[in-house]
N, C-alpha and C. Protein backbone atom coordinates (compact mmCIF):
# COMPACT_ATOMS: atom_id res chain seq x y z
N UNK A 1 177.51 9.38 3.10
CA UNK A 1 177.67 11.00 4.26
C UNK A 1 177.65 11.84 4.03
N UNK A 2 176.35 13.24 3.94
CA UNK A 2 177.34 14.36 3.88
C UNK A 2 177.15 15.28 5.22
N UNK A 3 176.09 15.49 5.84
CA UNK A 3 175.81 16.51 6.95
C UNK A 3 176.39 15.38 8.33
N UNK A 4 176.67 15.58 9.04
CA UNK A 4 176.81 14.37 10.27
C UNK A 4 175.67 15.17 11.27
N UNK A 5 175.39 14.36 11.80
CA UNK A 5 174.21 13.58 13.00
C UNK A 5 174.59 12.85 14.04
N UNK A 6 174.96 14.17 15.36
CA UNK A 6 175.22 13.58 16.14
C UNK A 6 174.59 13.19 16.99
N UNK A 7 174.14 11.61 17.84
CA UNK A 7 173.11 11.74 18.71
C UNK A 7 173.61 11.47 19.89
N UNK A 8 172.43 11.13 20.91
CA UNK A 8 173.35 10.69 22.25
C UNK A 8 173.19 9.19 22.46
N UNK A 9 173.81 8.35 22.30
CA UNK A 9 173.66 7.35 22.51
C UNK A 9 172.80 6.27 23.44
N UNK A 10 172.05 5.39 23.43
CA UNK A 10 171.91 4.95 24.25
C UNK A 10 171.77 3.24 25.18
N UNK A 11 170.90 2.81 25.81
CA UNK A 11 171.72 1.52 25.86
C UNK A 11 171.96 0.10 25.03
N UNK A 12 170.91 0.57 23.99
CA UNK A 12 171.14 -0.74 23.05
C UNK A 12 171.99 -0.46 22.16
N UNK A 13 173.15 0.58 22.48
CA UNK A 13 174.50 1.02 21.22
C UNK A 13 175.07 0.76 22.40
N UNK A 14 175.03 0.03 23.21
CA UNK A 14 176.10 -0.56 24.39
C UNK A 14 177.31 -1.01 23.70
N UNK A 15 176.71 -2.09 22.61
CA UNK A 15 177.27 -3.05 21.86
C UNK A 15 178.42 -2.45 20.81
N UNK A 16 177.73 -1.41 20.85
CA UNK A 16 178.54 -1.01 18.84
C UNK A 16 179.89 -0.24 19.94
N UNK A 17 179.72 0.61 21.03
CA UNK A 17 180.72 0.93 22.02
C UNK A 17 182.11 0.38 22.34
N UNK A 18 181.35 -0.65 22.33
CA UNK A 18 182.24 -1.94 22.92
C UNK A 18 183.26 -2.72 21.44
N UNK A 19 182.27 -2.55 20.26
CA UNK A 19 183.11 -2.94 18.83
C UNK A 19 184.04 -1.64 18.67
N UNK A 20 183.79 -0.17 18.89
CA UNK A 20 184.85 0.85 18.80
C UNK A 20 185.61 1.13 19.79
N UNK A 21 185.39 0.29 20.95
CA UNK A 21 186.79 0.75 21.96
C UNK A 21 187.72 -0.43 21.14
N UNK A 22 187.51 -1.54 20.46
CA UNK A 22 188.39 -2.05 20.27
C UNK A 22 188.69 -2.08 19.26
N UNK A 23 188.29 -1.17 18.14
CA UNK A 23 188.96 -0.10 17.47
C UNK A 23 189.81 -0.02 17.58
N UNK A 24 189.50 1.14 18.78
CA UNK A 24 190.68 2.45 19.05
C UNK A 24 191.82 1.56 19.71
N UNK A 25 191.27 0.38 20.84
CA UNK A 25 192.90 0.00 21.64
C UNK A 25 193.72 -0.49 20.87
N UNK A 26 193.41 -1.60 19.46
CA UNK A 26 194.00 -1.91 18.31
C UNK A 26 194.52 -0.50 17.93
N UNK A 27 194.53 0.37 17.32
CA UNK A 27 195.17 1.38 16.79
C UNK A 27 195.69 1.61 17.74
N UNK A 28 195.81 1.39 18.86
CA UNK A 28 196.95 2.00 20.06
C UNK A 28 198.08 0.95 19.84
N UNK A 29 198.27 -0.70 19.62
CA UNK A 29 199.14 -1.47 19.58
C UNK A 29 198.37 -2.68 20.35
N UNK A 30 197.35 -2.43 20.80
CA UNK A 30 196.99 -3.46 21.80
C UNK A 30 196.39 -4.58 21.61
N UNK A 31 196.44 -5.94 21.75
CA UNK A 31 196.37 -7.22 21.16
C UNK A 31 194.63 -7.34 21.79
N UNK A 32 193.61 -7.30 21.18
CA UNK A 32 192.25 -7.05 21.98
C UNK A 32 191.65 -8.49 22.02
N UNK A 33 192.09 -9.67 21.48
CA UNK A 33 191.60 -10.60 22.11
C UNK A 33 190.29 -11.31 20.73
N UNK A 34 190.11 -12.11 20.75
CA UNK A 34 188.81 -12.96 19.76
C UNK A 34 187.46 -11.89 20.25
N UNK A 35 186.29 -12.52 20.04
CA UNK A 35 185.18 -11.50 19.97
C UNK A 35 184.62 -12.13 20.93
N UNK A 36 184.99 -13.46 21.42
CA UNK A 36 184.58 -13.51 22.88
C UNK A 36 185.67 -13.34 24.40
N UNK A 37 186.74 -12.47 24.41
CA UNK A 37 187.77 -12.20 24.53
C UNK A 37 186.89 -11.72 26.70
N UNK A 38 187.11 -12.06 27.14
CA UNK A 38 186.56 -11.64 28.75
C UNK A 38 186.34 -9.90 28.43
N UNK A 39 186.98 -9.59 28.39
CA UNK A 39 187.13 -7.95 28.38
C UNK A 39 185.90 -7.38 28.11
N UNK A 40 185.73 -7.84 26.87
CA UNK A 40 184.73 -7.45 25.68
C UNK A 40 182.69 -7.29 26.34
N UNK A 41 182.81 -8.81 27.55
CA UNK A 41 181.49 -8.59 28.13
C UNK A 41 181.78 -7.79 29.59
N UNK A 42 182.79 -7.33 30.09
CA UNK A 42 182.86 -6.83 31.52
C UNK A 42 182.63 -4.57 30.60
N UNK A 43 182.89 -4.96 29.48
CA UNK A 43 183.11 -3.23 28.75
C UNK A 43 181.87 -3.56 28.32
N UNK A 44 180.77 -4.40 27.60
CA UNK A 44 179.37 -4.57 27.91
C UNK A 44 178.65 -3.64 28.87
N UNK A 45 179.05 -4.84 29.75
CA UNK A 45 178.09 -4.14 31.31
C UNK A 45 178.26 -2.80 31.28
N UNK A 46 179.48 -2.91 31.38
CA UNK A 46 180.21 -1.06 31.80
C UNK A 46 179.24 0.25 31.07
N UNK A 47 179.38 0.01 29.56
CA UNK A 47 178.30 1.03 28.75
C UNK A 47 177.14 0.51 29.24
N UNK A 48 175.88 0.14 29.30
CA UNK A 48 174.88 -0.65 29.24
C UNK A 48 174.55 0.08 30.43
N UNK A 49 175.35 0.15 31.73
CA UNK A 49 175.47 -0.10 33.27
C UNK A 49 175.26 1.97 32.87
N UNK A 50 176.32 2.64 32.12
CA UNK A 50 176.62 3.56 32.37
C UNK A 50 175.55 4.69 31.34
N UNK A 51 175.39 4.05 30.26
CA UNK A 51 173.71 4.51 29.87
C UNK A 51 173.04 4.84 30.49
N UNK A 52 172.68 3.74 30.98
CA UNK A 52 171.95 4.30 32.45
C UNK A 52 171.63 5.09 33.47
N UNK A 53 172.73 5.88 33.82
CA UNK A 53 173.05 6.78 34.19
C UNK A 53 173.24 8.22 33.58
N UNK A 54 172.66 8.84 33.39
CA UNK A 54 172.34 10.25 32.18
C UNK A 54 172.94 10.64 33.24
N UNK A 55 172.79 10.84 33.84
CA UNK A 55 173.42 12.50 34.61
C UNK A 55 174.71 12.30 34.83
N UNK A 56 175.64 11.25 34.63
CA UNK A 56 177.17 11.21 35.59
C UNK A 56 177.19 10.45 34.53
N UNK A 57 176.93 10.07 32.80
CA UNK A 57 177.69 9.48 31.97
C UNK A 57 177.13 9.64 30.69
N UNK A 58 177.78 9.75 29.54
CA UNK A 58 177.09 10.64 28.23
C UNK A 58 178.26 9.55 27.21
N UNK A 59 177.70 8.79 26.31
CA UNK A 59 178.39 8.58 24.97
C UNK A 59 177.42 9.14 23.46
N UNK A 60 178.48 10.49 22.88
CA UNK A 60 177.40 10.18 22.07
C UNK A 60 177.97 9.56 20.26
N UNK A 61 177.23 9.57 19.39
CA UNK A 61 177.58 8.26 17.91
C UNK A 61 176.80 9.13 17.16
N UNK A 62 177.87 8.57 15.80
CA UNK A 62 176.94 9.35 14.67
C UNK A 62 176.94 7.76 14.05
N UNK A 63 175.36 7.96 13.58
CA UNK A 63 175.43 6.80 12.15
C UNK A 63 175.28 6.46 11.48
N UNK A 64 175.90 5.74 10.81
CA UNK A 64 176.02 5.12 8.44
C UNK A 64 174.43 4.68 8.57
N UNK A 65 173.61 4.65 7.54
CA UNK A 65 171.90 4.20 7.00
C UNK A 65 172.56 2.51 7.37
N UNK A 66 173.43 1.90 6.88
CA UNK A 66 173.83 1.35 6.28
C UNK A 66 175.00 0.34 7.41
N UNK A 67 176.26 0.87 7.84
CA UNK A 67 177.03 0.44 8.75
C UNK A 67 176.57 0.65 10.64
N UNK A 68 175.38 1.52 10.23
CA UNK A 68 175.42 1.88 12.07
C UNK A 68 175.89 2.69 12.26
N UNK A 69 176.02 2.05 14.04
CA UNK A 69 176.98 3.50 14.63
C UNK A 69 178.32 3.56 13.75
N UNK A 70 179.12 4.28 13.40
CA UNK A 70 180.30 4.33 13.30
C UNK A 70 181.03 5.15 13.61
N UNK A 71 180.87 6.13 14.65
CA UNK A 71 182.13 7.38 15.59
C UNK A 71 181.45 7.23 16.70
N UNK A 72 182.20 7.50 17.77
CA UNK A 72 181.57 7.69 19.34
C UNK A 72 182.57 8.34 19.94
N UNK A 73 182.54 9.04 20.75
CA UNK A 73 182.60 9.89 22.24
C UNK A 73 182.67 9.07 22.95
N UNK A 74 182.89 9.05 24.80
CA UNK A 74 182.71 8.81 25.28
C UNK A 74 182.91 9.56 26.64
N UNK A 75 182.01 10.01 27.73
CA UNK A 75 182.29 10.72 29.10
C UNK A 75 181.69 9.88 30.18
N UNK A 76 182.61 10.16 31.46
CA UNK A 76 181.99 10.79 32.75
C UNK A 76 182.18 11.35 33.30
N UNK A 77 181.69 11.40 34.60
CA UNK A 77 181.91 12.38 36.03
C UNK A 77 182.30 11.69 36.95
N UNK A 78 183.30 12.62 37.33
CA UNK A 78 183.69 11.54 38.87
C UNK A 78 184.12 12.87 40.09
N UNK A 79 183.28 12.26 41.05
CA UNK A 79 184.11 13.49 42.75
C UNK A 79 185.68 13.72 42.32
N UNK A 80 186.11 14.21 42.77
CA UNK A 80 186.35 15.40 42.88
C UNK A 80 187.31 16.18 43.80
N UNK A 81 187.93 16.24 44.54
CA UNK A 81 188.27 17.58 45.73
C UNK A 81 188.84 18.90 44.73
N UNK A 82 188.23 19.99 45.25
CA UNK A 82 187.69 21.74 44.89
C UNK A 82 189.70 21.87 44.86
N UNK A 83 190.30 22.38 44.19
CA UNK A 83 191.68 23.25 44.73
C UNK A 83 191.37 25.06 44.36
N UNK A 84 192.85 25.72 44.63
CA UNK A 84 192.70 26.88 44.56
C UNK A 84 192.60 26.93 43.07
N UNK A 85 192.48 26.38 42.02
CA UNK A 85 192.08 26.41 40.35
C UNK A 85 190.63 26.25 39.91
N UNK A 86 190.66 24.73 40.16
CA UNK A 86 189.26 24.49 40.37
C UNK A 86 188.48 24.54 41.93
N UNK A 87 187.12 25.45 41.84
CA UNK A 87 186.47 24.68 43.07
C UNK A 87 185.67 23.92 43.02
N UNK A 88 185.35 23.07 41.94
CA UNK A 88 184.78 22.38 41.67
C UNK A 88 184.70 21.16 41.93
N UNK A 89 184.02 20.40 42.02
CA UNK A 89 184.14 18.59 43.11
C UNK A 89 183.65 17.71 42.09
N UNK A 90 183.59 18.21 40.74
CA UNK A 90 182.69 17.37 39.46
C UNK A 90 184.01 17.73 38.53
N UNK A 91 184.42 16.01 38.43
CA UNK A 91 185.61 16.37 36.66
C UNK A 91 185.12 15.40 36.23
N UNK A 92 185.15 15.75 34.67
CA UNK A 92 184.67 15.00 33.92
C UNK A 92 185.91 14.04 32.77
N UNK A 93 186.12 13.29 31.95
CA UNK A 93 186.61 12.46 31.35
C UNK A 93 186.54 11.47 30.46
N UNK A 94 187.33 11.90 29.55
CA UNK A 94 186.85 11.67 28.20
C UNK A 94 187.66 11.04 27.53
N UNK A 95 186.88 10.01 27.05
CA UNK A 95 187.43 8.56 26.46
C UNK A 95 186.84 7.81 25.43
N UNK A 96 187.05 6.81 25.19
CA UNK A 96 186.93 5.69 23.97
C UNK A 96 186.89 6.47 22.87
N UNK A 97 187.56 7.41 22.17
CA UNK A 97 186.77 7.94 20.73
C UNK A 97 187.50 7.36 19.55
N UNK A 98 186.98 7.19 18.51
CA UNK A 98 186.75 5.98 17.80
C UNK A 98 186.34 6.43 16.13
N UNK A 99 186.65 5.76 15.33
CA UNK A 99 185.78 5.83 14.09
C UNK A 99 185.74 4.68 13.32
N UNK A 100 185.17 4.32 12.63
CA UNK A 100 185.13 3.01 11.94
C UNK A 100 186.77 3.36 10.75
N UNK A 101 187.44 2.93 10.34
CA UNK A 101 187.93 2.77 9.20
C UNK A 101 187.68 3.33 8.19
N UNK A 102 186.84 2.67 7.62
CA UNK A 102 185.78 3.58 6.28
C UNK A 102 185.61 4.88 6.60
N UNK A 103 185.04 5.64 7.55
CA UNK A 103 184.60 6.94 7.94
C UNK A 103 185.40 7.46 8.74
N UNK A 104 186.76 7.72 8.58
CA UNK A 104 187.77 8.64 9.44
C UNK A 104 187.70 9.37 8.12
N UNK A 105 188.30 10.86 9.22
CA UNK A 105 188.74 11.69 8.42
C UNK A 105 187.78 13.04 7.37
N UNK A 106 186.28 12.53 8.30
CA UNK A 106 185.31 13.48 7.94
C UNK A 106 184.60 14.16 9.22
N UNK A 107 185.62 14.19 10.05
CA UNK A 107 184.88 15.02 11.16
C UNK A 107 183.83 14.75 12.06
N UNK A 108 183.71 13.18 12.35
CA UNK A 108 182.78 12.26 12.73
C UNK A 108 183.73 12.16 14.32
N UNK A 109 184.87 12.22 14.35
CA UNK A 109 184.72 11.76 15.52
C UNK A 109 184.75 13.25 16.26
N UNK A 110 185.59 14.17 15.71
CA UNK A 110 185.25 15.85 16.34
C UNK A 110 183.81 15.92 16.49
N UNK A 111 182.99 15.82 15.78
CA UNK A 111 181.70 16.12 15.87
C UNK A 111 181.25 15.60 17.18
N UNK A 112 181.47 14.14 17.25
CA UNK A 112 180.75 13.17 18.85
C UNK A 112 181.75 14.52 20.15
N UNK A 113 182.89 14.45 19.95
CA UNK A 113 184.10 15.27 20.86
C UNK A 113 183.21 15.87 21.07
N UNK A 114 182.75 17.36 20.46
CA UNK A 114 181.85 18.34 20.52
C UNK A 114 180.77 18.33 21.41
N UNK A 115 179.84 17.61 20.62
CA UNK A 115 178.39 17.61 21.71
C UNK A 115 178.70 16.79 23.42
N UNK A 116 180.12 15.95 22.92
CA UNK A 116 179.88 15.14 24.53
C UNK A 116 180.85 16.68 26.02
N UNK A 117 181.79 17.67 25.37
CA UNK A 117 181.97 18.70 25.34
C UNK A 117 180.70 19.77 25.98
N UNK A 118 179.59 19.64 25.01
CA UNK A 118 178.19 19.75 25.23
C UNK A 118 177.62 19.70 26.24
N UNK A 119 177.41 18.47 26.31
CA UNK A 119 176.77 18.38 27.38
C UNK A 119 177.80 18.14 29.18
N UNK A 120 178.99 18.13 29.14
CA UNK A 120 179.83 18.81 29.82
C UNK A 120 179.46 20.11 30.94
N UNK A 121 179.43 20.49 30.01
CA UNK A 121 179.48 22.20 29.89
C UNK A 121 178.00 22.57 30.35
N UNK A 122 176.96 21.87 29.40
CA UNK A 122 175.05 22.28 29.66
C UNK A 122 174.44 21.59 30.51
N UNK A 123 174.99 20.37 30.34
CA UNK A 123 174.48 19.42 31.90
C UNK A 123 175.34 18.64 33.04
N UNK A 124 175.90 18.89 32.96
CA UNK A 124 177.24 18.68 34.55
C UNK A 124 177.53 20.21 35.02
N UNK A 125 177.67 19.86 36.51
CA UNK A 125 178.93 20.45 37.15
C UNK A 125 180.43 20.35 36.89
N UNK A 126 180.84 19.29 35.62
CA UNK A 126 182.60 19.51 35.88
C UNK A 126 183.21 20.75 35.25
N UNK A 127 184.47 20.71 36.16
CA UNK A 127 184.73 21.65 35.90
C UNK A 127 186.10 21.89 35.20
N UNK A 128 187.11 20.51 35.59
CA UNK A 128 187.71 19.86 33.84
C UNK A 128 187.17 18.78 33.79
N UNK A 129 188.14 18.58 32.06
CA UNK A 129 187.66 17.34 31.74
C UNK A 129 189.32 17.04 30.99
N UNK A 130 189.63 16.07 31.73
CA UNK A 130 190.97 15.28 31.91
C UNK A 130 190.80 14.19 30.29
N UNK A 131 192.11 14.02 29.71
CA UNK A 131 191.93 12.73 28.82
C UNK A 131 193.48 12.40 28.84
N UNK A 132 193.30 11.08 27.86
CA UNK A 132 194.70 10.96 27.36
C UNK A 132 194.78 10.22 26.38
N UNK A 133 195.61 10.90 25.53
CA UNK A 133 195.51 11.72 24.19
C UNK A 133 196.43 10.62 23.50
N UNK A 134 196.49 9.64 22.25
CA UNK A 134 197.22 9.16 21.50
C UNK A 134 197.65 9.92 20.40
N UNK A 135 198.50 9.59 19.52
CA UNK A 135 199.36 10.70 18.66
C UNK A 135 198.27 10.97 17.74
N UNK A 136 197.56 9.84 17.55
CA UNK A 136 196.80 10.55 16.28
C UNK A 136 195.41 11.23 16.52
N UNK A 137 195.45 11.23 18.19
CA UNK A 137 193.81 12.30 18.49
C UNK A 137 194.53 13.40 18.65
N UNK A 138 195.95 14.17 18.96
CA UNK A 138 196.62 15.06 19.72
C UNK A 138 195.77 16.47 19.23
N UNK A 139 196.26 16.36 17.80
CA UNK A 139 195.72 17.60 16.57
C UNK A 139 194.56 18.02 17.34
N UNK A 140 193.29 17.02 17.27
CA UNK A 140 191.61 17.55 17.54
C UNK A 140 191.72 17.80 18.56
N UNK A 141 192.25 17.00 19.85
CA UNK A 141 192.49 17.76 21.10
C UNK A 141 192.53 19.06 21.88
N UNK A 142 194.05 18.88 20.82
CA UNK A 142 194.30 20.13 20.90
C UNK A 142 193.60 21.40 20.45
N UNK A 143 193.20 21.08 19.21
CA UNK A 143 192.16 22.08 18.40
C UNK A 143 190.67 22.56 19.27
N UNK A 144 190.52 21.84 20.48
CA UNK A 144 189.29 22.08 21.04
C UNK A 144 189.86 22.68 22.51
N UNK A 145 191.32 22.83 22.67
CA UNK A 145 191.23 23.85 23.95
C UNK A 145 192.24 22.72 25.01
N UNK A 146 192.57 21.59 24.49
CA UNK A 146 192.57 20.98 25.08
C UNK A 146 194.76 21.06 25.84
N UNK A 147 194.79 21.24 27.07
CA UNK A 147 196.80 21.52 27.11
C UNK A 147 196.64 20.53 27.73
N UNK A 148 198.52 20.36 28.05
CA UNK A 148 199.12 19.55 28.20
C UNK A 148 199.02 19.99 29.80
N UNK A 149 199.12 18.71 30.88
CA UNK A 149 199.07 18.82 32.00
C UNK A 149 200.22 18.74 32.97
N UNK A 150 200.25 19.46 33.65
CA UNK A 150 201.48 19.74 34.23
C UNK A 150 201.98 18.22 35.33
N UNK A 151 201.41 17.82 35.08
CA UNK A 151 200.86 16.17 36.30
C UNK A 151 201.29 15.10 35.43
N UNK A 152 201.64 14.57 35.13
CA UNK A 152 201.59 13.34 34.11
C UNK A 152 200.85 11.89 34.93
N UNK A 153 200.56 11.33 34.04
CA UNK A 153 199.47 10.64 34.27
C UNK A 153 200.45 9.24 34.61
N UNK A 154 200.18 8.56 35.71
CA UNK A 154 200.68 7.42 36.40
C UNK A 154 200.28 6.50 36.90
N UNK A 155 200.36 5.20 36.87
CA UNK A 155 199.56 4.14 36.49
C UNK A 155 200.34 2.82 37.41
N UNK A 156 199.59 2.10 38.61
CA UNK A 156 200.11 1.04 39.16
C UNK A 156 198.74 -0.09 38.83
N UNK A 157 198.97 -0.92 38.64
CA UNK A 157 198.55 -2.37 38.46
C UNK A 157 197.78 -2.82 39.98
N UNK A 158 196.85 -3.30 40.00
CA UNK A 158 196.91 -4.14 41.01
C UNK A 158 196.87 -5.64 41.24
N UNK A 159 197.48 -6.35 41.22
CA UNK A 159 197.65 -7.21 41.23
C UNK A 159 196.66 -8.08 42.21
N UNK A 160 195.49 -9.14 42.11
CA UNK A 160 195.63 -10.45 42.86
C UNK A 160 195.69 -11.09 43.21
């Protein structure tokens, strides 16, 4: 690969997005389980349905002629109440940034993220983009202008 060509993902790319998500989760220390783990089917449905809603959901990918999809960045828009520092009512969320190990350190993930940020700017009403960065991705996001939030993320898991 010499020139990076980024394209917008289509619904038939959903399986590749699940595969790259598993790579990302494994790099973060998660046990993703076997190929038939229940989360993978739910993720496949999530990505397939999301890719069918191009006004609020986007994924950008890079293909290798032999390996197929090797890098991606995904995002979607959510309604969010306005405030004094952001009067927009739409927030973007960036996630699932991942590259196949054999294709890393070539700028592929960065190219996908930049395409996603262009989509937010040009095709949505998002006033802010949020993400959770891993240590490995922190410098990429900072180089694109992301800064630490003064409100750290907290999480509560609902048990049913």
